PDB file of N, CA and C in Angstrom:
ATOM      1  N   MET A   1       0.848  -1.183   0.000  1.00  0.00           N
ATOM      2  CA  MET A   1       0.000   0.000   0.000  1.00  0.00           C
ATOM      3  C   MET A   1       0.891   1.243   0.000  1.00  0.00           C
ATOM      4  N   THR A   2       0.586   2.190  -0.849  1.00  0.00           N
ATOM      5  CA  THR A   2       1.348   3.418  -0.958  1.00  0.00           C
ATOM      6  C   THR A   2       0.484   4.587  -0.512  1.00  0.00           C
ATOM      7  N   ALA A   3       0.990   5.356   0.407  1.00  0.00           N
ATOM      8  CA  ALA A   3       0.256   6.521   0.880  1.00  0.00           C
ATOM      9  C   ALA A   3       0.533   7.705  -0.036  1.00  0.00           C
ATOM     10  N   GLU A   4      -0.483   8.474  -0.316  1.00  0.00           N
ATOM     11  CA  GLU A   4      -0.363   9.673  -1.149  1.00  0.00           C
ATOM     12  C   GLU A   4      -0.584  10.906  -0.266  1.00  0.00           C
ATOM     13  N   PRO A   5       0.092  12.002  -0.560  1.00  0.00           N
ATOM     14  CA  PRO A   5      -0.134  13.227   0.208  1.00  0.00           C
ATOM     15  C   PRO A   5      -1.547  13.758  -0.020  1.00  0.00           C
ATOM     16  N   VAL A   6      -2.057  14.408   0.986  1.00  0.00           N
ATOM     17  CA  VAL A   6      -3.399  14.981   0.930  1.00  0.00           C
ATOM     18  C   VAL A   6      -3.260  16.498   0.821  1.00  0.00           C
ATOM     19  N   ALA A   7      -3.949  17.085  -0.126  1.00  0.00           N
ATOM     20  CA  ALA A   7      -3.917  18.544  -0.291  1.00  0.00           C
ATOM     21  C   ALA A   7      -4.631  19.208   0.885  1.00  0.00           C
ATOM     22  N   LEU A   8      -4.068  20.299   1.339  1.00  0.00           N
ATOM     23  CA  LEU A   8      -4.640  21.030   2.462  1.00  0.00           C
ATOM     24  C   LEU A   8      -4.650  22.508   2.107  1.00  0.00           C
ATOM     25  N   ARG A   9      -5.801  23.133   2.193  1.00  0.00           N
ATOM     26  CA  ARG A   9      -5.916  24.556   1.912  1.00  0.00           C
ATOM     27  C   ARG A   9      -5.873  25.307   3.234  1.00  0.00           C
ATOM     28  N   VAL A  10      -4.998  26.299   3.320  1.00  0.00           N
ATOM     29  CA  VAL A  10      -4.803  27.061   4.545  1.00  0.00           C
ATOM     30  C   VAL A  10      -5.049  28.536   4.253  1.00  0.00           C
ATOM     31  N   THR A  11      -5.771  29.189   5.134  1.00  0.00           N
ATOM     32  CA  THR A  11      -5.991  30.627   5.009  1.00  0.00           C
ATOM     33  C   THR A  11      -5.043  31.350   5.939  1.00  0.00           C
ATOM     34  N   ARG A  12      -4.275  32.304   5.396  1.00  0.00           N
ATOM     35  CA  ARG A  12      -3.392  33.171   6.175  1.00  0.00           C
ATOM     36  C   ARG A  12      -3.901  34.594   6.019  1.00  0.00           C
ATOM     37  N   TRP A  13      -3.684  35.397   7.020  1.00  0.00           N
ATOM     38  CA  TRP A  13      -4.103  36.795   7.018  1.00  0.00           C
ATOM     39  C   TRP A  13      -2.861  37.664   7.017  1.00  0.00           C
ATOM     40  N   LYS A  14      -2.724  38.530   6.004  1.00  0.00           N
ATOM     41  CA  LYS A  14      -1.518  39.335   5.817  1.00  0.00           C
ATOM     42  C   LYS A  14      -1.811  40.809   6.075  1.00  0.00           C
ATOM     43  N   CYS A  15      -0.865  41.457   6.725  1.00  0.00           N
ATOM     44  CA  CYS A  15      -0.940  42.899   6.944  1.00  0.00           C
ATOM     45  C   CYS A  15      -0.816  43.600   5.589  1.00  0.00           C
ATOM     46  N   PRO A  16      -1.671  44.585   5.293  1.00  0.00           N
ATOM     47  CA  PRO A  16      -1.562  45.283   4.010  1.00  0.00           C
ATOM     48  C   PRO A  16      -0.396  46.269   3.951  1.00  0.00           C
ATOM     49  N   PHE A  17       0.285  46.503   5.073  1.00  0.00           N
ATOM     50  CA  PHE A  17       1.357  47.491   5.121  1.00  0.00           C
ATOM     51  C   PHE A  17       2.757  46.888   5.174  1.00  0.00           C
ATOM     52  N   CYS A  18       2.874  45.603   5.528  1.00  0.00           N
ATOM     53  CA  CYS A  18       4.182  44.957   5.629  1.00  0.00           C
ATOM     54  C   CYS A  18       4.052  43.497   5.211  1.00  0.00           C
ATOM     55  N   THR A  19       5.070  42.713   5.472  1.00  0.00           N
ATOM     56  CA  THR A  19       5.078  41.314   5.018  1.00  0.00           C
ATOM     57  C   THR A  19       4.572  40.330   6.068  1.00  0.00           C
ATOM     58  N   ARG A  20       4.181  40.801   7.240  1.00  0.00           N
ATOM     59  CA  ARG A  20       3.732  39.889   8.306  1.00  0.00           C
ATOM     60  C   ARG A  20       2.418  39.211   7.929  1.00  0.00           C
ATOM     61  N   ALA A  21       2.342  37.912   8.202  1.00  0.00           N
ATOM     62  CA  ALA A  21       1.122  37.136   7.957  1.00  0.00           C
ATOM     63  C   ALA A  21       0.917  36.197   9.131  1.00  0.00           C
ATOM     64  N   ARG A  22      -0.332  35.968   9.453  1.00  0.00           N
ATOM     65  CA  ARG A  22      -0.670  35.105  10.599  1.00  0.00           C
ATOM     66  C   ARG A  22      -1.842  34.197  10.241  1.00  0.00           C
ATOM     67  N   ALA A  23      -2.027  33.168  11.032  1.00  0.00           N
ATOM     68  CA  ALA A  23      -3.138  32.259  10.832  1.00  0.00           C
ATOM     69  C   ALA A  23      -4.429  32.836  11.402  1.00  0.00           C
ATOM     70  N   SER A  24      -4.317  33.728  12.363  1.00  0.00           N
ATOM     71  CA  SER A  24      -5.484  34.299  13.029  1.00  0.00           C
ATOM     72  C   SER A  24      -5.808  35.676  12.482  1.00  0.00           C
ATOM     73  N   LYS A  25      -7.047  35.884  12.057  1.00  0.00           N
ATOM     74  CA  LYS A  25      -7.478  37.194  11.577  1.00  0.00           C
ATOM     75  C   LYS A  25      -7.418  38.220  12.704  1.00  0.00           C
ATOM     76  N   ALA A  26      -7.828  37.834  13.914  1.00  0.00           N
ATOM     77  CA  ALA A  26      -7.815  38.754  15.059  1.00  0.00           C
ATOM     78  C   ALA A  26      -6.389  39.212  15.381  1.00  0.00           C
ATOM     79  N   ALA A  27      -5.429  38.304  15.326  1.00  0.00           N
ATOM     80  CA  ALA A  27      -4.033  38.675  15.591  1.00  0.00           C
ATOM     81  C   ALA A  27      -3.513  39.619  14.518  1.00  0.00           C
ATOM     82  N   THR A  28      -3.941  39.432  13.282  1.00  0.00           N
ATOM     83  CA  THR A  28      -3.506  40.305  12.199  1.00  0.00           C
ATOM     84  C   THR A  28      -4.124  41.688  12.353  1.00  0.00           C
ATOM     85  N   VAL A  29      -5.391  41.763  12.729  1.00  0.00           N
ATOM     86  CA  VAL A  29      -6.043  43.059  12.967  1.00  0.00           C
ATOM     87  C   VAL A  29      -5.315  43.796  14.096  1.00  0.00           C
ATOM     88  N   GLU A  30      -4.945  43.078  15.145  1.00  0.00           N
ATOM     89  CA  GLU A  30      -4.201  43.672  16.260  1.00  0.00           C
ATOM     90  C   GLU A  30      -2.846  44.201  15.776  1.00  0.00           C
ATOM     91  N   HIS A  31      -2.157  43.418  14.950  1.00  0.00           N
ATOM     92  CA  HIS A  31      -0.864  43.838  14.409  1.00  0.00           C
ATOM     93  C   HIS A  31      -1.012  45.105  13.565  1.00  0.00           C
ATOM     94  N   ILE A  32      -2.025  45.176  12.714  1.00  0.00           N
ATOM     95  CA  ILE A  32      -2.234  46.335  11.842  1.00  0.00           C
ATOM     96  C   ILE A  32      -2.343  47.614  12.672  1.00  0.00           C
ATOM     97  N   GLY A  33      -2.952  47.518  13.840  1.00  0.00           N
ATOM     98  CA  GLY A  33      -3.116  48.677  14.712  1.00  0.00           C
ATOM     99  C   GLY A  33      -1.816  49.196  15.302  1.00  0.00           C
ATOM    100  N   ARG A  34      -0.737  48.398  15.226  1.00  0.00           N
ATOM    101  CA  ARG A  34       0.555  48.843  15.752  1.00  0.00           C
ATOM    102  C   ARG A  34       1.687  48.669  14.747  1.00  0.00           C
ATOM    103  N   CYS A  35       1.360  48.357  13.496  1.00  0.00           N
ATOM    104  CA  CYS A  35       2.370  48.122  12.463  1.00  0.00           C
ATOM    105  C   CYS A  35       3.126  49.418  12.154  1.00  0.00           C
ATOM    106  N   TRP A  36       4.454  49.350  12.218  1.00  0.00           N
ATOM    107  CA  TRP A  36       5.290  50.524  11.969  1.00  0.00           C
ATOM    108  C   TRP A  36       5.140  51.058  10.553  1.00  0.00           C
ATOM    109  N   SER A  37       4.675  50.229   9.624  1.00  0.00           N
ATOM    110  CA  SER A  37       4.521  50.659   8.236  1.00  0.00           C
ATOM    111  C   SER A  37       3.129  51.203   7.946  1.00  0.00           C
ATOM    112  N   ASN A  38       2.250  51.196   8.929  1.00  0.00           N
ATOM    113  CA  ASN A  38       0.893  51.733   8.793  1.00  0.00           C
ATOM    114  C   ASN A  38       0.943  53.236   9.082  1.00  0.00           C
ATOM    115  N   PRO A  39       0.627  54.098   8.108  1.00  0.00           N
ATOM    116  CA  PRO A  39       0.701  55.540   8.336  1.00  0.00           C
ATOM    117  C   PRO A  39      -0.178  56.031   9.495  1.00  0.00           C
ATOM    118  N   GLU A  40      -1.261  55.348   9.793  1.00  0.00           N
ATOM    119  CA  GLU A  40      -2.140  55.770  10.891  1.00  0.00           C
ATOM    120  C   GLU A  40      -1.459  55.635  12.254  1.00  0.00           C
ATOM    121  N   VAL A  41      -0.433  54.807  12.360  1.00  0.00           N
ATOM    122  CA  VAL A  41       0.298  54.621  13.610  1.00  0.00           C
ATOM    123  C   VAL A  41       1.253  55.793  13.846  1.00  0.00           C
ATOM    124  N   ARG A  42       1.565  56.535  12.787  1.00  0.00           N
ATOM    125  CA  ARG A  42       2.449  57.706  12.849  1.00  0.00           C
ATOM    126  C   ARG A  42       3.825  57.331  13.409  1.00  0.00           C
ATOM    127  N   SER A  43       4.433  56.313  12.798  1.00  0.00           N
ATOM    128  CA  SER A  43       5.764  55.871  13.244  1.00  0.00           C
ATOM    129  C   SER A  43       6.850  56.502  12.379  1.00  0.00           C
ATOM    130  N   CYS A  44       8.069  56.397  12.859  1.00  0.00           N
ATOM    131  CA  CYS A  44       9.225  56.914  12.119  1.00  0.00           C
ATOM    132  C   CYS A  44       9.265  56.373  10.690  1.00  0.00           C
ATOM    133  N   LYS A  45       8.937  55.096  10.535  1.00  0.00           N
ATOM    134  CA  LYS A  45       9.084  54.428   9.242  1.00  0.00           C
ATOM    135  C   LYS A  45       8.231  55.057   8.140  1.00  0.00           C
ATOM    136  N   THR A  46       7.185  55.814   8.482  1.00  0.00           N
ATOM    137  CA  THR A  46       6.319  56.428   7.479  1.00  0.00           C
ATOM    138  C   THR A  46       6.380  57.952   7.523  1.00  0.00           C
ATOM    139  N   CYS A  47       7.386  58.494   8.178  1.00  0.00           N
ATOM    140  CA  CYS A  47       7.491  59.948   8.364  1.00  0.00           C
ATOM    141  C   CYS A  47       8.498  60.552   7.385  1.00  0.00           C
ATOM    142  N   ARG A  48       8.193  61.727   6.890  1.00  0.00           N
ATOM    143  CA  ARG A  48       9.099  62.396   5.955  1.00  0.00           C
ATOM    144  C   ARG A  48      10.387  62.869   6.626  1.00  0.00           C
ATOM    145  N   HIS A  49      10.404  62.979   7.951  1.00  0.00           N
ATOM    146  CA  HIS A  49      11.589  63.442   8.672  1.00  0.00           C
ATOM    147  C   HIS A  49      12.595  62.323   8.960  1.00  0.00           C
ATOM    148  N   TYR A  50      12.201  61.077   8.738  1.00  0.00           N
ATOM    149  CA  TYR A  50      13.022  59.915   9.089  1.00  0.00           C
ATOM    150  C   TYR A  50      13.983  59.574   7.956  1.00  0.00           C
ATOM    151  N   GLU A  51      15.237  59.299   8.318  1.00  0.00           N
ATOM    152  CA  GLU A  51      16.231  58.896   7.337  1.00  0.00           C
ATOM    153  C   GLU A  51      17.175  57.878   7.975  1.00  0.00           C
ATOM    154  N   VAL A  52      17.550  56.875   7.205  1.00  0.00           N
ATOM    155  CA  VAL A  52      18.546  55.898   7.638  1.00  0.00           C
ATOM    156  C   VAL A  52      19.755  56.079   6.733  1.00  0.00           C
ATOM    157  N   THR A  53      20.916  56.260   7.352  1.00  0.00           N
ATOM    158  CA  THR A  53      22.144  56.409   6.576  1.00  0.00           C
ATOM    159  C   THR A  53      23.113  55.300   6.955  1.00  0.00           C
ATOM    160  N   GLY A  54      24.006  54.959   6.050  1.00  0.00           N
ATOM    161  CA  GLY A  54      24.997  53.921   6.315  1.00  0.00           C
ATOM    162  C   GLY A  54      24.353  52.558   6.410  1.00  0.00           C
ATOM    163  N   GLY A  55      25.080  51.602   6.978  1.00  0.00           N
ATOM    164  CA  GLY A  55      24.554  50.257   7.204  1.00  0.00           C
ATOM    165  C   GLY A  55      24.226  49.497   5.946  1.00  0.00           C
ATOM    166  N   PHE A  56      25.023  49.663   4.901  1.00  0.00           N
ATOM    167  CA  PHE A  56      24.707  49.059   3.610  1.00  0.00           C
ATOM    168  C   PHE A  56      24.992  47.564   3.548  1.00  0.00           C
ATOM    169  N   CYS A  57      25.698  47.024   4.546  1.00  0.00           N
ATOM    170  CA  CYS A  57      26.097  45.613   4.475  1.00  0.00           C
ATOM    171  C   CYS A  57      25.243  44.723   5.373  1.00  0.00           C
ATOM    172  N   ASP A  58      24.205  45.249   5.972  1.00  0.00           N
ATOM    173  CA  ASP A  58      23.288  44.466   6.809  1.00  0.00           C
ATOM    174  C   ASP A  58      23.993  43.744   7.953  1.00  0.00           C
ATOM    175  N   GLY A  59      24.972  44.391   8.572  1.00  0.00           N
ATOM    176  CA  GLY A  59      25.624  43.824   9.748  1.00  0.00           C
ATOM    177  C   GLY A  59      26.679  42.785   9.464  1.00  0.00           C
ATOM    178  N   ASP A  60      27.133  42.666   8.232  1.00  0.00           N
ATOM    179  CA  ASP A  60      28.171  41.705   7.897  1.00  0.00           C
ATOM    180  C   ASP A  60      29.463  42.102   8.620  1.00  0.00           C
ATOM    181  N   PRO A  61      29.998  41.253   9.519  1.00  0.00           N
ATOM    182  CA  PRO A  61      31.196  41.621  10.274  1.00  0.00           C
ATOM    183  C   PRO A  61      32.434  41.792   9.392  1.00  0.00           C
ATOM    184  N   MET A  62      32.442  41.263   8.190  1.00  0.00           N
ATOM    185  CA  MET A  62      33.583  41.395   7.290  1.00  0.00           C
ATOM    186  C   MET A  62      33.554  42.705   6.502  1.00  0.00           C
ATOM    187  N   CYS A  63      32.458  43.424   6.583  1.00  0.00           N
ATOM    188  CA  CYS A  63      32.302  44.675   5.840  1.00  0.00           C
ATOM    189  C   CYS A  63      32.820  45.836   6.692  1.00  0.00           C
ATOM    190  N   ASN A  64      33.443  46.790   6.059  1.00  0.00           N
ATOM    191  CA  ASN A  64      33.949  47.956   6.766  1.00  0.00           C
ATOM    192  C   ASN A  64      33.061  49.182   6.568  1.00  0.00           C
ATOM    193  N   CYS A  65      31.841  48.984   6.115  1.00  0.00           N
ATOM    194  CA  CYS A  65      30.960  50.133   5.903  1.00  0.00           C
ATOM    195  C   CYS A  65      30.476  50.663   7.253  1.00  0.00           C
ATOM    196  N   PRO A  66      30.064  51.924   7.303  1.00  0.00           N
ATOM    197  CA  PRO A  66      29.611  52.484   8.577  1.00  0.00           C
ATOM    198  C   PRO A  66      28.302  51.828   9.025  1.00  0.00           C
ATOM    199  N   PRO A  67      28.062  51.757  10.333  1.00  0.00           N
ATOM    200  CA  PRO A  67      26.803  51.182  10.808  1.00  0.00           C
ATOM    201  C   PRO A  67      25.632  52.085  10.444  1.00  0.00           C
ATOM    202  N   ALA A  68      24.455  51.511  10.402  1.00  0.00           N
ATOM    203  CA  ALA A  68      23.255  52.286  10.089  1.00  0.00           C
ATOM    204  C   ALA A  68      23.008  53.302  11.192  1.00  0.00           C
ATOM    205  N   GLU A  69      22.598  54.471  10.784  1.00  0.00           N
ATOM    206  CA  GLU A  69      22.255  55.525  11.734  1.00  0.00           C
ATOM    207  C   GLU A  69      20.875  56.048  11.379  1.00  0.00           C
ATOM    208  N   GLU A  70      19.997  56.118  12.373  1.00  0.00           N
ATOM    209  CA  GLU A  70      18.653  56.641  12.166  1.00  0.00           C
ATOM    210  C   GLU A  70      18.641  58.111  12.563  1.00  0.00           C
ATOM    211  N   ILE A  71      18.114  58.933  11.680  1.00  0.00           N
ATOM    212  CA  ILE A  71      18.092  60.379  11.898  1.00  0.00           C
ATOM    213  C   ILE A  71      16.664  60.883  11.788  1.00  0.00           C
ATOM    214  N   CYS A  72      16.295  61.794  12.685  1.00  0.00           N
ATOM    215  CA  CYS A  72      15.010  62.484  12.587  1.00  0.00           C
ATOM    216  C   CYS A  72      15.307  63.955  12.304  1.00  0.00           C
ATOM    217  N   HIS A  73      14.910  64.414  11.134  1.00  0.00           N
ATOM    218  CA  HIS A  73      15.175  65.791  10.733  1.00  0.00           C
ATOM    219  C   HIS A  73      14.227  66.787  11.413  1.00  0.00           C
ATOM    220  N   ALA A  74      13.294  66.300  12.231  1.00  0.00           N
ATOM    221  CA  ALA A  74      12.418  67.179  13.004  1.00  0.00           C
ATOM    222  C   ALA A  74      12.980  67.399  14.404  1.00  0.00           C
ATOM    223  N   GLY A  75      14.138  66.810  14.690  1.00  0.00           N
ATOM    224  CA  GLY A  75      14.794  67.005  15.971  1.00  0.00           C
ATOM    225  C   GLY A  75      14.359  66.061  17.075  1.00  0.00           C
ATOM    226  N   ILE A  76      13.597  65.034  16.755  1.00  0.00           N
ATOM    227  CA  ILE A  76      13.193  64.041  17.751  1.00  0.00           C
ATOM    228  C   ILE A  76      14.389  63.126  18.010  1.00  0.00           C
ATOM    229  N   ARG A  77      14.715  62.919  19.267  1.00  0.00           N
ATOM    230  CA  ARG A  77      15.838  62.045  19.624  1.00  0.00           C
ATOM    231  C   ARG A  77      15.395  60.590  19.483  1.00  0.00           C
ATOM    232  N   LEU A  78      16.064  59.848  18.613  1.00  0.00           N
ATOM    233  CA  LEU A  78      15.739  58.441  18.390  1.00  0.00           C
ATOM    234  C   LEU A  78      16.633  57.602  19.284  1.00  0.00           C
ATOM    235  N   THR A  79      16.032  56.686  20.014  1.00  0.00           N
ATOM    236  CA  THR A  79      16.762  55.909  21.014  1.00  0.00           C
ATOM    237  C   THR A  79      16.984  54.465  20.597  1.00  0.00           C
ATOM    238  N   GLY A  80      16.783  54.145  19.334  1.00  0.00           N
ATOM    239  CA  GLY A  80      16.950  52.770  18.880  1.00  0.00           C
ATOM    240  C   GLY A  80      15.627  52.060  18.702  1.00  0.00           C
ATOM    241  N   ASP A  81      14.563  52.573  19.300  1.00  0.00           N
ATOM    242  CA  ASP A  81      13.231  52.033  19.090  1.00  0.00           C
ATOM    243  C   ASP A  81      12.489  52.944  18.124  1.00  0.00           C
ATOM    244  N   VAL A  82      11.567  52.376  17.377  1.00  0.00           N
ATOM    245  CA  VAL A  82      10.766  53.176  16.465  1.00  0.00           C
ATOM    246  C   VAL A  82       9.746  53.955  17.280  1.00  0.00           C
ATOM    247  N   GLU A  83       9.704  55.235  17.067  1.00  0.00           N
ATOM    248  CA  GLU A  83       8.741  56.113  17.733  1.00  0.00           C
ATOM    249  C   GLU A  83       7.372  55.911  17.090  1.00  0.00           C
ATOM    250  N   VAL A  84       6.326  55.860  17.884  1.00  0.00           N
ATOM    251  CA  VAL A  84       4.960  55.795  17.356  1.00  0.00           C
ATOM    252  C   VAL A  84       4.140  56.909  17.991  1.00  0.00           C
ATOM    253  N   GLY A  85       3.160  57.414  17.242  1.00  0.00           N
ATOM    254  CA  GLY A  85       2.327  58.497  17.745  1.00  0.00           C
ATOM    255  C   GLY A  85       3.108  59.790  17.905  1.00  0.00           C
ATOM    256  N   CYS A  86       4.096  60.005  17.079  1.00  0.00           N
ATOM    257  CA  CYS A  86       4.986  61.162  17.214  1.00  0.00           C
ATOM    258  C   CYS A  86       4.254  62.465  16.878  1.00  0.00           C
ATOM    259  N   PRO A  87       4.388  63.498  17.725  1.00  0.00           N
ATOM    260  CA  PRO A  87       3.724  64.769  17.444  1.00  0.00           C
ATOM    261  C   PRO A  87       4.329  65.514  16.250  1.00  0.00           C
ATOM    262  N   ALA A  88       5.578  65.196  15.867  1.00  0.00           N
ATOM    263  CA  ALA A  88       6.224  65.855  14.726  1.00  0.00           C
ATOM    264  C   ALA A  88       6.030  65.077  13.422  1.00  0.00           C
ATOM    265  N   TRP A  89       5.293  63.973  13.472  1.00  0.00           N
ATOM    266  CA  TRP A  89       5.118  63.114  12.300  1.00  0.00           C
ATOM    267  C   TRP A  89       4.438  63.862  11.164  1.00  0.00           C
ATOM    268  N   GLN A  90       4.970  63.673   9.962  1.00  0.00           N
ATOM    269  CA  GLN A  90       4.341  64.165   8.739  1.00  0.00           C
ATOM    270  C   GLN A  90       4.443  63.057   7.717  1.00  0.00           C
ATOM    271  N   PRO A  91       3.415  62.891   6.875  1.00  0.00           N
ATOM    272  CA  PRO A  91       3.455  61.780   5.899  1.00  0.00           C
ATOM    273  C   PRO A  91       4.614  61.948   4.931  1.00  0.00           C
ATOM    274  N   GLU A  92       5.120  60.804   4.480  1.00  0.00           N
ATOM    275  CA  GLU A  92       6.179  60.815   3.478  1.00  0.00           C
ATOM    276  C   GLU A  92       5.689  61.511   2.210  1.00  0.00           C
ATOM    277  N   GLU A  93       6.597  62.180   1.548  1.00  0.00           N
ATOM    278  CA  GLU A  93       6.249  62.799   0.277  1.00  0.00           C
ATOM    279  C   GLU A  93       6.107  61.718  -0.779  1.00  0.00           C
ATOM    280  N   PRO A  94       5.095  61.826  -1.631  1.00  0.00           N
ATOM    281  CA  PRO A  94       4.934  60.811  -2.686  1.00  0.00           C
ATOM    282  C   PRO A  94       6.150  60.800  -3.612  1.00  0.00           C
ATOM    283  N   THR A  95       6.518  59.608  -4.062  1.00  0.00           N
ATOM    284  CA  THR A  95       7.673  59.489  -4.963  1.00  0.00           C
ATOM    285  C   THR A  95       7.244  59.429  -6.394  1.00  0.00           C
TER     286      THR A  95
END
């Protein structure tokens, strides 16, 4: 007797702003409410004042490029965490 694989259809729920996907719709809705790429969250990642410089080698220890530096041109001090709900937030300019 030979066993054959059985097809299985799975539904995943994906955030419309980033690549995160989950099996639970409720967990995905919760994620969307705090997703750094969602403009409604007003995070650094969607702000026109945010810039990342350097860090072109993605942390490769053999690379001599400068480490990534996050800059806020609105004068907000960035501490290594993404700011959310920032009062200086402005939407990115369309490209």
